Each structure stands twice: as structure tokens, then as C-alpha cells.
N, C-alpha and C. Protein backbone atom coordinates (compact mmCIF):
# COMPACT_ATOMS: atom_id res chain seq x y z
N MET A 1 -3.75 47.07 -1.88
CA MET A 1 -2.82 46.39 -2.76
C MET A 1 -3.07 46.86 -4.19
N ARG A 2 -2.02 47.29 -4.84
CA ARG A 2 -2.11 47.74 -6.23
C ARG A 2 -1.99 46.53 -7.15
N VAL A 3 -2.98 46.37 -8.02
CA VAL A 3 -3.03 45.23 -8.92
C VAL A 3 -3.06 45.74 -10.36
N LEU A 4 -2.29 45.10 -11.22
CA LEU A 4 -2.27 45.41 -12.64
C LEU A 4 -3.15 44.42 -13.38
N GLY A 5 -4.07 44.90 -14.19
CA GLY A 5 -4.90 44.05 -15.03
C GLY A 5 -4.36 44.04 -16.45
N ILE A 6 -4.32 42.86 -17.06
CA ILE A 6 -3.78 42.73 -18.41
C ILE A 6 -4.76 41.99 -19.31
N ASP A 7 -4.99 42.59 -20.48
CA ASP A 7 -5.71 41.91 -21.56
C ASP A 7 -4.65 41.62 -22.62
N TYR A 8 -4.17 40.37 -22.66
CA TYR A 8 -3.06 39.99 -23.51
C TYR A 8 -3.50 39.80 -24.95
N GLY A 9 -2.72 40.36 -25.87
CA GLY A 9 -2.96 40.17 -27.29
C GLY A 9 -1.65 40.06 -28.04
N GLU A 10 -1.73 39.54 -29.24
CA GLU A 10 -0.53 39.36 -30.07
C GLU A 10 0.08 40.69 -30.51
N LYS A 11 -0.76 41.69 -30.75
CA LYS A 11 -0.28 42.99 -31.23
C LYS A 11 -0.32 44.07 -30.17
N ARG A 12 -1.29 43.96 -29.25
CA ARG A 12 -1.46 44.97 -28.21
C ARG A 12 -1.73 44.29 -26.88
N ILE A 13 -1.34 44.98 -25.80
CA ILE A 13 -1.63 44.51 -24.45
C ILE A 13 -2.39 45.63 -23.74
N GLY A 14 -3.64 45.33 -23.41
CA GLY A 14 -4.45 46.28 -22.67
C GLY A 14 -4.04 46.25 -21.20
N LEU A 15 -4.03 47.43 -20.57
CA LEU A 15 -3.55 47.55 -19.20
C LEU A 15 -4.51 48.39 -18.37
N ALA A 16 -4.67 48.00 -17.12
CA ALA A 16 -5.47 48.76 -16.17
C ALA A 16 -4.86 48.54 -14.79
N VAL A 17 -5.11 49.47 -13.89
CA VAL A 17 -4.58 49.38 -12.54
C VAL A 17 -5.67 49.79 -11.56
N CYS A 18 -5.59 49.26 -10.35
CA CYS A 18 -6.56 49.66 -9.32
C CYS A 18 -5.86 50.53 -8.28
N ASP A 19 -6.66 51.22 -7.49
CA ASP A 19 -6.13 52.02 -6.40
C ASP A 19 -5.68 51.12 -5.25
N GLU A 20 -5.09 51.70 -4.23
CA GLU A 20 -4.57 50.95 -3.08
C GLU A 20 -5.64 50.08 -2.41
N GLY A 21 -6.85 50.58 -2.33
CA GLY A 21 -7.92 49.85 -1.67
C GLY A 21 -8.60 48.81 -2.55
N GLY A 22 -8.20 48.73 -3.80
CA GLY A 22 -8.80 47.77 -4.70
C GLY A 22 -10.25 48.09 -5.04
N MET A 23 -10.58 49.38 -5.03
CA MET A 23 -11.96 49.79 -5.27
C MET A 23 -12.17 50.37 -6.66
N THR A 24 -11.21 51.15 -7.13
CA THR A 24 -11.36 51.87 -8.38
C THR A 24 -10.36 51.39 -9.42
N VAL A 25 -10.84 51.14 -10.62
CA VAL A 25 -9.98 50.67 -11.71
C VAL A 25 -9.84 51.79 -12.74
N SER A 26 -8.61 51.99 -13.20
CA SER A 26 -8.34 52.98 -14.25
C SER A 26 -7.57 52.33 -15.38
N GLY A 27 -7.96 52.64 -16.60
CA GLY A 27 -7.23 52.15 -17.75
C GLY A 27 -5.92 52.89 -17.92
N LEU A 28 -4.92 52.20 -18.43
CA LEU A 28 -3.62 52.78 -18.74
C LEU A 28 -3.43 52.73 -20.26
N PRO A 29 -2.48 53.49 -20.77
CA PRO A 29 -2.24 53.41 -22.22
C PRO A 29 -1.93 51.98 -22.66
N THR A 30 -2.48 51.62 -23.80
CA THR A 30 -2.27 50.29 -24.36
C THR A 30 -0.82 50.14 -24.80
N LEU A 31 -0.25 48.99 -24.49
CA LEU A 31 1.13 48.69 -24.90
C LEU A 31 1.07 48.10 -26.31
N ILE A 32 1.69 48.78 -27.25
CA ILE A 32 1.80 48.27 -28.61
C ILE A 32 3.04 47.38 -28.64
N ARG A 33 2.83 46.11 -28.92
CA ARG A 33 3.90 45.13 -28.83
C ARG A 33 4.93 45.31 -29.94
N LYS A 34 6.20 45.17 -29.56
CA LYS A 34 7.30 45.22 -30.53
C LYS A 34 8.12 43.95 -30.44
N ASN A 35 8.68 43.71 -29.26
CA ASN A 35 9.45 42.49 -29.00
C ASN A 35 9.45 42.26 -27.50
N LYS A 36 9.92 41.10 -27.09
CA LYS A 36 9.84 40.72 -25.68
C LYS A 36 10.56 41.72 -24.77
N LYS A 37 11.78 42.13 -25.15
CA LYS A 37 12.55 43.06 -24.32
C LYS A 37 11.80 44.39 -24.18
N HIS A 38 11.34 44.94 -25.29
CA HIS A 38 10.59 46.19 -25.25
C HIS A 38 9.36 46.07 -24.35
N ASP A 39 8.58 45.02 -24.57
CA ASP A 39 7.35 44.83 -23.80
C ASP A 39 7.63 44.73 -22.30
N LEU A 40 8.64 43.94 -21.94
CA LEU A 40 8.97 43.75 -20.52
C LEU A 40 9.55 45.03 -19.90
N ASP A 41 10.32 45.80 -20.68
CA ASP A 41 10.84 47.08 -20.18
C ASP A 41 9.71 48.05 -19.87
N ILE A 42 8.74 48.13 -20.77
CA ILE A 42 7.58 49.01 -20.55
C ILE A 42 6.81 48.55 -19.31
N LEU A 43 6.57 47.26 -19.20
CA LEU A 43 5.84 46.74 -18.05
C LEU A 43 6.61 46.96 -16.75
N ALA A 44 7.92 46.80 -16.79
CA ALA A 44 8.74 47.01 -15.58
C ALA A 44 8.62 48.46 -15.11
N ARG A 45 8.70 49.39 -16.03
CA ARG A 45 8.59 50.81 -15.68
C ARG A 45 7.20 51.11 -15.10
N LEU A 46 6.18 50.57 -15.75
CA LEU A 46 4.81 50.78 -15.31
C LEU A 46 4.60 50.20 -13.89
N MET A 47 5.12 49.00 -13.66
CA MET A 47 4.93 48.37 -12.35
C MET A 47 5.66 49.13 -11.25
N LYS A 48 6.81 49.67 -11.58
CA LYS A 48 7.54 50.48 -10.60
C LYS A 48 6.78 51.77 -10.31
N ASP A 49 6.35 52.46 -11.37
CA ASP A 49 5.64 53.74 -11.21
C ASP A 49 4.35 53.60 -10.41
N HIS A 50 3.66 52.47 -10.57
CA HIS A 50 2.37 52.26 -9.90
C HIS A 50 2.45 51.36 -8.67
N HIS A 51 3.65 50.96 -8.29
CA HIS A 51 3.86 50.12 -7.10
C HIS A 51 3.00 48.86 -7.13
N ILE A 52 3.06 48.15 -8.26
CA ILE A 52 2.23 46.96 -8.46
C ILE A 52 2.71 45.81 -7.57
N GLU A 53 1.75 45.13 -6.94
CA GLU A 53 2.05 44.00 -6.06
C GLU A 53 1.50 42.67 -6.58
N LYS A 54 0.62 42.74 -7.56
CA LYS A 54 0.02 41.53 -8.12
C LYS A 54 -0.43 41.84 -9.55
N ILE A 55 -0.45 40.79 -10.37
CA ILE A 55 -0.90 40.92 -11.76
C ILE A 55 -2.07 39.97 -11.99
N VAL A 56 -3.10 40.48 -12.65
CA VAL A 56 -4.24 39.65 -13.06
C VAL A 56 -4.29 39.72 -14.58
N ILE A 57 -4.18 38.56 -15.21
CA ILE A 57 -4.18 38.50 -16.66
C ILE A 57 -5.40 37.72 -17.14
N GLY A 58 -6.08 38.27 -18.12
CA GLY A 58 -7.26 37.61 -18.66
C GLY A 58 -6.90 36.26 -19.27
N TYR A 59 -7.65 35.25 -18.88
CA TYR A 59 -7.44 33.88 -19.37
C TYR A 59 -8.64 33.51 -20.23
N PRO A 60 -8.44 33.48 -21.55
CA PRO A 60 -9.57 33.39 -22.48
C PRO A 60 -10.15 31.99 -22.68
N VAL A 61 -10.72 31.44 -21.62
CA VAL A 61 -11.39 30.14 -21.76
C VAL A 61 -12.62 30.32 -22.64
N ARG A 62 -12.99 29.28 -23.33
CA ARG A 62 -14.19 29.32 -24.18
C ARG A 62 -15.43 29.32 -23.31
N LEU A 63 -16.55 29.63 -23.90
CA LEU A 63 -17.79 29.68 -23.14
C LEU A 63 -18.14 28.33 -22.51
N ASP A 64 -17.69 27.23 -23.13
CA ASP A 64 -17.95 25.91 -22.56
C ASP A 64 -16.91 25.52 -21.51
N GLY A 65 -15.97 26.44 -21.22
CA GLY A 65 -14.96 26.19 -20.20
C GLY A 65 -13.69 25.55 -20.71
N SER A 66 -13.66 25.17 -21.97
CA SER A 66 -12.46 24.53 -22.51
C SER A 66 -11.40 25.58 -22.84
N GLU A 67 -10.16 25.10 -22.97
CA GLU A 67 -9.03 25.99 -23.26
C GLU A 67 -8.59 25.81 -24.71
N GLY A 68 -8.25 26.91 -25.33
CA GLY A 68 -7.79 26.87 -26.71
C GLY A 68 -6.33 27.29 -26.81
N ILE A 69 -5.90 27.54 -28.03
CA ILE A 69 -4.51 27.92 -28.30
C ILE A 69 -4.14 29.21 -27.58
N GLN A 70 -5.06 30.17 -27.53
CA GLN A 70 -4.75 31.45 -26.89
C GLN A 70 -4.48 31.26 -25.40
N CYS A 71 -5.11 30.29 -24.76
CA CYS A 71 -4.84 30.01 -23.34
C CYS A 71 -3.38 29.60 -23.15
N GLU A 72 -2.85 28.81 -24.08
CA GLU A 72 -1.44 28.41 -24.00
C GLU A 72 -0.52 29.63 -24.08
N LYS A 73 -0.83 30.55 -24.98
CA LYS A 73 -0.03 31.77 -25.13
C LYS A 73 -0.09 32.62 -23.88
N VAL A 74 -1.29 32.77 -23.32
CA VAL A 74 -1.45 33.55 -22.10
C VAL A 74 -0.70 32.89 -20.95
N SER A 75 -0.76 31.57 -20.86
CA SER A 75 -0.05 30.84 -19.79
C SER A 75 1.45 31.06 -19.89
N ARG A 76 1.99 31.02 -21.10
CA ARG A 76 3.43 31.26 -21.28
C ARG A 76 3.80 32.69 -20.88
N PHE A 77 2.97 33.65 -21.28
CA PHE A 77 3.24 35.05 -20.94
C PHE A 77 3.11 35.27 -19.43
N ALA A 78 2.12 34.66 -18.81
CA ALA A 78 1.94 34.78 -17.36
C ALA A 78 3.15 34.21 -16.62
N ALA A 79 3.66 33.07 -17.07
CA ALA A 79 4.84 32.47 -16.45
C ALA A 79 6.06 33.38 -16.61
N LEU A 80 6.19 34.00 -17.77
CA LEU A 80 7.29 34.94 -18.01
C LEU A 80 7.20 36.13 -17.06
N LEU A 81 6.00 36.67 -16.88
CA LEU A 81 5.81 37.80 -15.96
C LEU A 81 6.15 37.42 -14.53
N GLU A 82 5.69 36.25 -14.12
CA GLU A 82 5.94 35.78 -12.76
C GLU A 82 7.44 35.62 -12.52
N GLU A 83 8.13 35.05 -13.49
CA GLU A 83 9.58 34.85 -13.37
C GLU A 83 10.33 36.18 -13.38
N LYS A 84 9.97 37.07 -14.29
CA LYS A 84 10.68 38.34 -14.47
C LYS A 84 10.46 39.28 -13.29
N PHE A 85 9.23 39.36 -12.78
CA PHE A 85 8.90 40.36 -11.78
C PHE A 85 8.73 39.82 -10.36
N SER A 86 8.80 38.51 -10.20
CA SER A 86 8.66 37.88 -8.87
C SER A 86 7.41 38.37 -8.15
N LEU A 87 6.32 38.45 -8.88
CA LEU A 87 5.03 38.83 -8.33
C LEU A 87 4.02 37.73 -8.62
N PRO A 88 2.99 37.62 -7.77
CA PRO A 88 1.95 36.65 -8.10
C PRO A 88 1.20 37.07 -9.36
N VAL A 89 0.94 36.11 -10.22
CA VAL A 89 0.18 36.34 -11.45
C VAL A 89 -1.03 35.42 -11.42
N VAL A 90 -2.22 36.03 -11.50
CA VAL A 90 -3.47 35.29 -11.45
C VAL A 90 -4.05 35.26 -12.86
N LYS A 91 -4.32 34.06 -13.37
CA LYS A 91 -5.01 33.93 -14.66
C LYS A 91 -6.51 33.94 -14.36
N TRP A 92 -7.21 34.96 -14.88
CA TRP A 92 -8.62 35.16 -14.56
C TRP A 92 -9.49 34.91 -15.80
N PRO A 93 -10.50 34.04 -15.68
CA PRO A 93 -11.36 33.73 -16.83
C PRO A 93 -12.00 35.00 -17.41
N GLU A 94 -11.93 35.12 -18.74
CA GLU A 94 -12.44 36.35 -19.37
C GLU A 94 -12.97 36.06 -20.76
N ALA A 95 -13.91 35.21 -20.87
CA ALA A 95 -14.39 34.76 -22.17
C ALA A 95 -14.84 35.89 -23.11
N MET A 96 -15.40 36.95 -22.60
CA MET A 96 -16.01 37.95 -23.49
C MET A 96 -15.55 39.38 -23.20
N SER A 97 -14.42 39.59 -22.54
CA SER A 97 -14.04 40.95 -22.14
C SER A 97 -13.88 41.91 -23.31
N THR A 98 -13.24 41.47 -24.39
CA THR A 98 -13.05 42.36 -25.54
C THR A 98 -14.38 42.69 -26.21
N LYS A 99 -15.24 41.69 -26.36
CA LYS A 99 -16.57 41.94 -26.95
C LYS A 99 -17.38 42.88 -26.06
N ASP A 100 -17.29 42.69 -24.73
CA ASP A 100 -18.00 43.57 -23.81
C ASP A 100 -17.46 45.00 -23.90
N ALA A 101 -16.14 45.13 -24.00
CA ALA A 101 -15.53 46.46 -24.12
C ALA A 101 -15.99 47.15 -25.41
N GLU A 102 -16.02 46.40 -26.51
CA GLU A 102 -16.49 46.97 -27.78
C GLU A 102 -17.94 47.42 -27.67
N GLU A 103 -18.75 46.63 -27.00
CA GLU A 103 -20.17 46.98 -26.83
C GLU A 103 -20.32 48.25 -26.00
N ILE A 104 -19.52 48.38 -24.95
CA ILE A 104 -19.56 49.60 -24.12
C ILE A 104 -19.24 50.82 -24.97
N LEU A 105 -18.19 50.71 -25.77
CA LEU A 105 -17.79 51.84 -26.61
C LEU A 105 -18.85 52.16 -27.67
N LYS A 106 -19.48 51.14 -28.24
CA LYS A 106 -20.56 51.37 -29.21
C LYS A 106 -21.72 52.11 -28.55
N ASN A 107 -22.06 51.69 -27.33
CA ASN A 107 -23.17 52.31 -26.61
C ASN A 107 -22.92 53.79 -26.32
N PHE A 108 -21.64 54.17 -26.24
CA PHE A 108 -21.30 55.58 -26.04
C PHE A 108 -21.02 56.28 -27.36
N SER A 109 -21.39 55.64 -28.46
CA SER A 109 -21.25 56.19 -29.81
C SER A 109 -19.82 56.59 -30.15
N VAL A 110 -18.87 55.82 -29.68
CA VAL A 110 -17.47 56.06 -30.02
C VAL A 110 -17.23 55.48 -31.41
N ASN A 111 -16.63 56.29 -32.31
CA ASN A 111 -16.42 55.80 -33.68
C ASN A 111 -15.41 54.65 -33.69
N TRP A 112 -15.40 53.90 -34.78
CA TRP A 112 -14.62 52.65 -34.84
C TRP A 112 -13.13 52.89 -34.64
N LYS A 113 -12.59 54.00 -35.13
CA LYS A 113 -11.15 54.26 -34.98
C LYS A 113 -10.80 54.48 -33.51
N LYS A 114 -11.59 55.26 -32.82
CA LYS A 114 -11.36 55.50 -31.39
C LYS A 114 -11.59 54.23 -30.58
N ARG A 115 -12.58 53.41 -31.01
CA ARG A 115 -12.84 52.14 -30.31
C ARG A 115 -11.60 51.26 -30.35
N LYS A 116 -10.96 51.19 -31.51
CA LYS A 116 -9.76 50.36 -31.66
C LYS A 116 -8.66 50.80 -30.70
N GLU A 117 -8.55 52.13 -30.48
CA GLU A 117 -7.54 52.67 -29.59
C GLU A 117 -7.84 52.36 -28.11
N LYS A 118 -9.11 52.25 -27.76
CA LYS A 118 -9.50 52.15 -26.35
C LYS A 118 -9.93 50.77 -25.89
N VAL A 119 -10.26 49.88 -26.81
CA VAL A 119 -10.90 48.62 -26.45
C VAL A 119 -10.01 47.75 -25.55
N ASP A 120 -8.70 47.74 -25.77
CA ASP A 120 -7.84 46.86 -24.99
C ASP A 120 -7.73 47.30 -23.53
N LYS A 121 -7.61 48.61 -23.29
CA LYS A 121 -7.53 49.05 -21.90
C LYS A 121 -8.86 48.90 -21.18
N ILE A 122 -9.96 49.05 -21.91
CA ILE A 122 -11.27 48.82 -21.28
C ILE A 122 -11.43 47.34 -20.96
N ALA A 123 -11.01 46.46 -21.87
CA ALA A 123 -11.08 45.03 -21.60
C ALA A 123 -10.22 44.68 -20.38
N ALA A 124 -9.03 45.26 -20.27
CA ALA A 124 -8.16 45.02 -19.10
C ALA A 124 -8.86 45.50 -17.84
N GLY A 125 -9.53 46.65 -17.92
CA GLY A 125 -10.26 47.16 -16.77
C GLY A 125 -11.41 46.25 -16.36
N LEU A 126 -12.12 45.69 -17.35
CA LEU A 126 -13.21 44.76 -17.05
C LEU A 126 -12.69 43.49 -16.38
N ILE A 127 -11.58 42.98 -16.87
CA ILE A 127 -10.97 41.78 -16.26
C ILE A 127 -10.59 42.07 -14.82
N LEU A 128 -9.90 43.18 -14.61
CA LEU A 128 -9.45 43.54 -13.26
C LEU A 128 -10.63 43.80 -12.34
N GLN A 129 -11.63 44.52 -12.82
CA GLN A 129 -12.80 44.81 -11.98
C GLN A 129 -13.54 43.53 -11.59
N ASP A 130 -13.67 42.60 -12.53
CA ASP A 130 -14.31 41.33 -12.22
C ASP A 130 -13.54 40.57 -11.14
N TYR A 131 -12.23 40.55 -11.27
CA TYR A 131 -11.38 39.89 -10.26
C TYR A 131 -11.56 40.57 -8.89
N LEU A 132 -11.50 41.90 -8.86
CA LEU A 132 -11.63 42.62 -7.58
C LEU A 132 -13.01 42.40 -6.96
N ASP A 133 -14.06 42.44 -7.79
CA ASP A 133 -15.42 42.20 -7.28
C ASP A 133 -15.52 40.81 -6.68
N HIS A 134 -14.97 39.83 -7.37
CA HIS A 134 -15.03 38.45 -6.89
C HIS A 134 -14.25 38.27 -5.58
N THR A 135 -13.07 38.82 -5.51
CA THR A 135 -12.25 38.65 -4.29
C THR A 135 -12.80 39.45 -3.13
N SER A 136 -13.42 40.61 -3.39
CA SER A 136 -13.97 41.40 -2.28
C SER A 136 -15.20 40.71 -1.68
N ARG A 137 -15.94 39.94 -2.46
CA ARG A 137 -17.09 39.21 -1.93
C ARG A 137 -16.66 38.09 -0.99
N LYS A 138 -15.45 37.61 -1.17
CA LYS A 138 -14.96 36.51 -0.33
C LYS A 138 -14.40 37.00 1.01
N MET A 139 -14.11 38.32 1.10
CA MET A 139 -13.56 38.85 2.34
C MET A 139 -14.68 39.11 3.32
N PRO A 140 -14.39 38.94 4.64
CA PRO A 140 -15.43 39.20 5.65
C PRO A 140 -15.72 40.65 5.80
């Protein structure tokens, strides 16, 4: 099953996709947000090209498990995706994905400008990989 991972942001949307077997995650180009129509058109093309069957979107709960304003925004966007594409959308807890992605890039000595370009797709990949790891442990 091909799954799309999303790291939702106000200005950028990080994207990643897994292979058919749900084993390997690859980052996709970051979607630079313009307006709802533009964003949904780009996502529609991407989902068609990659034969996406499910969407996993990072749900930014706080470390104490509580939900903040960003959770409301993600919930609205997730509902929009579900309605527009008629696919299951899973909100996956991701308290630190962007910070973890930044740390990975720092460890590889990527300069700050390149980090800014790559951090969202890496965060989307981390969210998707965590979801896949968790769901594969539940399978017999």
C-alpha cells in the first residue's frame, strides 16, 4: 500500500511516500503553499502519480499529550484531504519531527540554507516511517 506522509505547515508542506511494501520511505519535493486550490491541485497530481491509497499527517500534540492551536489546523486540513480525495487520513502524533529533522541535518553538516530546504520533507519522512514501524509491529 502506497502511503503519503505529510508534515503540515502554514508556509510549506513536507511530503514523503513509501514503497508498495511499506518498507522504504522517500522524501518528495516540499510543497510551497500559495492557496487552497493550488495546494490541492499539487497534492492531487502527486497522489495520482504515486498511486497513493492512504495519507498520514503529523499531528503535533505537545509533549504532555495536550492539543494546541496547530492541532486544530491540522485537523481541518486532514478533514479537507479526506473529503477531497476520498482516502483514509490518519493523524499521527509527531511532537518533535521537525526538531529531529533539523538535528539530523546538523549532524550531516548541512548548512542552514540547505537545511531550510530539506527539513520539511525529512520531517514528513520521519512521521511516515514512525507510522509504518508502528503498524508493521502490530501485524503477525
